[in-house]
Amino acid sequence: MNDSDMDLASGIAAFEAKEFRRAFQLLAPLAARGEPEAQFRVAVMCRNGLGGVANEALAFSSMRDAARQDHGLAQHGLGVMYLYGECVTRDEAEAAAWFRRAAGHGLAGAMMTLGMMYEQGLGVERDVEQAELLYAQAESGDAC
């Protein structure tokens, strides 16, 4: 295990233990170097002001960078940001695209949210059948 792997493991452990200042110290340099798991956790901390002052710009850029590297939870998180206009201008169509990618990882929350978007016609054309399919997949645990 190299130093970066040890810092990542230690940073995740600190994050899980709610030691956010220490987690940020360990994960921020890794996030800056492009490590998607570190980027995701830095985004969560910055969005919620955990371990320091909230930083919406860093929260968005870190979440986006991790999502672009196919990190499922980050794709879901980016979808939430776009859906509700958190840290970025609200864009329901962009939200749907990110939830669709996250659903491909089998994330039930992304499937449920995307289903709700189809049911209500938010960012996608209203399609109740597609909504019901997504709800069923979320309940059964099947990836899209």
Protein backbone atom coordinates (compact mmCIF):
# COMPACT_ATOMS: atom_id res chain seq x y z
CA MET A 1 0.00 0.00 0.00
CA ASN A 2 1.50 3.34 -1.03
CA ASP A 3 1.17 6.66 0.82
CA SER A 4 -1.77 7.82 -1.32
CA ASP A 5 -3.66 4.59 -0.62
CA MET A 6 -2.95 4.95 3.10
CA ASP A 7 -4.09 8.59 3.07
CA LEU A 8 -7.27 7.61 1.23
CA ALA A 9 -8.03 4.79 3.68
CA SER A 10 -7.27 7.06 6.64
CA GLY A 11 -9.34 9.88 5.17
CA ILE A 12 -12.32 7.60 4.59
CA ALA A 13 -11.99 6.24 8.13
CA ALA A 14 -11.90 9.79 9.53
CA PHE A 15 -14.93 10.73 7.41
CA GLU A 16 -16.88 7.70 8.62
CA ALA A 17 -15.91 8.53 12.23
CA LYS A 18 -17.22 12.07 11.65
CA GLU A 19 -13.74 13.52 12.19
CA PHE A 20 -14.29 15.89 9.29
CA ARG A 21 -11.37 18.27 9.84
CA ARG A 22 -8.93 15.35 9.71
CA ALA A 23 -10.80 13.77 6.80
CA PHE A 24 -10.55 17.00 4.82
CA GLN A 25 -6.83 17.33 5.55
CA LEU A 26 -6.21 13.84 4.19
CA LEU A 27 -8.68 13.81 1.31
CA ALA A 28 -8.35 17.33 -0.17
CA PRO A 29 -4.87 16.74 -1.65
CA LEU A 30 -6.03 13.42 -3.13
CA ALA A 31 -9.14 15.08 -4.55
CA ALA A 32 -6.97 17.76 -6.14
CA ARG A 33 -4.97 14.98 -7.83
CA GLY A 34 -8.15 13.44 -9.27
CA GLU A 35 -8.99 10.58 -6.87
CA PRO A 36 -12.79 10.16 -7.33
CA GLU A 37 -13.58 8.73 -3.87
CA ALA A 38 -11.71 11.64 -2.27
CA GLN A 39 -13.47 14.10 -4.59
CA PHE A 40 -16.88 12.73 -3.63
CA ARG A 41 -16.22 12.99 0.09
CA VAL A 42 -14.66 16.45 -0.20
CA ALA A 43 -17.79 17.53 -2.11
CA VAL A 44 -20.05 16.23 0.68
CA MET A 45 -18.00 18.02 3.33
CA CYS A 46 -17.88 21.30 1.39
CA ARG A 47 -21.60 21.19 0.55
CA ASN A 48 -22.57 20.71 4.19
CA GLY A 49 -19.83 22.73 5.91
CA LEU A 50 -18.49 19.63 7.66
CA GLY A 51 -15.08 20.25 9.18
CA GLY A 52 -15.00 23.87 8.11
CA VAL A 53 -16.79 26.54 6.18
CA ALA A 54 -19.13 25.49 3.38
CA ASN A 55 -17.72 26.04 -0.11
CA GLU A 56 -20.34 25.62 -2.82
CA ALA A 57 -17.92 26.12 -5.71
CA LEU A 58 -15.57 23.40 -4.44
CA ALA A 59 -18.53 21.17 -3.57
CA PHE A 60 -19.85 21.39 -7.13
CA SER A 61 -16.52 21.00 -8.90
CA SER A 62 -15.48 18.06 -6.74
CA MET A 63 -18.84 16.30 -7.17
CA ARG A 64 -18.76 16.91 -10.93
CA ASP A 65 -15.19 15.66 -11.27
CA ALA A 66 -15.95 12.45 -9.36
CA ALA A 67 -19.18 11.93 -11.33
CA ARG A 68 -17.34 12.30 -14.62
CA GLN A 69 -15.08 9.45 -13.47
CA ASP A 70 -18.12 7.18 -13.17
CA HIS A 71 -18.44 7.38 -9.37
CA GLY A 72 -22.07 6.31 -8.85
CA LEU A 73 -22.73 8.17 -5.59
CA ALA A 74 -21.20 11.31 -7.06
CA GLN A 75 -23.44 10.97 -10.13
CA HIS A 76 -26.42 10.78 -7.79
CA GLY A 77 -25.12 13.74 -5.79
CA LEU A 78 -24.63 15.80 -8.93
CA GLY A 79 -28.16 14.93 -9.99
CA VAL A 80 -29.44 16.26 -6.67
CA MET A 81 -27.43 19.45 -7.11
CA TYR A 82 -28.93 20.06 -10.56
CA LEU A 83 -32.46 19.04 -9.55
CA TYR A 84 -32.65 21.44 -6.60
CA GLY A 85 -30.24 24.13 -7.77
CA GLU A 86 -27.76 23.43 -4.99
CA CYS A 87 -24.31 24.86 -5.76
CA VAL A 88 -25.32 25.21 -9.44
CA THR A 89 -28.14 26.65 -11.52
CA ARG A 90 -31.16 24.36 -11.48
CA ASP A 91 -31.36 22.18 -14.60
CA GLU A 92 -33.85 19.33 -14.47
CA ALA A 93 -32.74 17.80 -17.78
CA GLU A 94 -29.13 17.69 -16.59
CA ALA A 95 -30.31 16.22 -13.28
CA ALA A 96 -32.16 13.45 -15.12
CA ALA A 97 -29.06 12.61 -17.14
CA TRP A 98 -26.95 12.22 -13.98
CA PHE A 99 -29.63 10.22 -12.15
CA ARG A 100 -29.83 7.91 -15.18
CA ARG A 101 -26.07 7.30 -14.99
CA ALA A 102 -26.24 6.70 -11.23
CA ALA A 103 -29.16 4.31 -11.70
CA GLY A 104 -26.92 2.28 -13.98
CA HIS A 105 -24.84 1.54 -10.89
CA GLY A 106 -27.90 0.01 -9.23
CA LEU A 107 -28.50 2.93 -6.87
CA ALA A 108 -32.10 2.64 -5.74
CA GLY A 109 -32.30 6.29 -4.70
CA ALA A 110 -31.32 7.40 -8.18
CA MET A 111 -33.90 5.04 -9.72
CA MET A 112 -36.62 6.36 -7.41
CA THR A 113 -35.77 9.99 -8.10
CA LEU A 114 -35.60 9.40 -11.84
CA GLY A 115 -38.93 7.59 -11.62
CA MET A 116 -40.44 10.61 -9.86
CA MET A 117 -39.04 12.84 -12.59
CA TYR A 118 -40.69 10.68 -15.28
CA GLU A 119 -43.94 10.60 -13.32
CA GLN A 120 -44.00 14.39 -13.02
CA GLY A 121 -42.33 15.26 -16.33
CA LEU A 122 -39.38 17.04 -14.69
CA GLY A 123 -36.51 17.36 -17.13
CA VAL A 124 -37.88 14.46 -19.19
CA GLU A 125 -41.06 13.87 -21.11
CA ARG A 126 -43.76 12.61 -18.75
CA ASP A 127 -43.90 8.80 -18.97
CA VAL A 128 -45.82 7.00 -16.23
CA GLU A 129 -44.87 3.55 -17.57
CA GLN A 130 -41.17 4.43 -17.39
CA ALA A 131 -41.70 5.77 -13.87
CA GLU A 132 -43.35 2.53 -12.76
CA LEU A 133 -40.54 0.50 -14.31
CA LEU A 134 -37.93 2.54 -12.44
CA TYR A 135 -39.83 2.21 -9.15
CA ALA A 136 -40.03 -1.56 -9.63
CA GLN A 137 -36.32 -1.78 -10.43
CA ALA A 138 -35.48 0.25 -7.34
CA GLU A 139 -37.57 -2.04 -5.15
CA SER A 140 -36.09 -5.20 -6.64
CA GLY A 141 -32.50 -3.94 -6.66
CA ASP A 142 -32.05 -4.41 -10.41
CA ALA A 143 -29.70 -2.04 -12.17
CA CYS A 144 -31.07 -0.06 -15.09
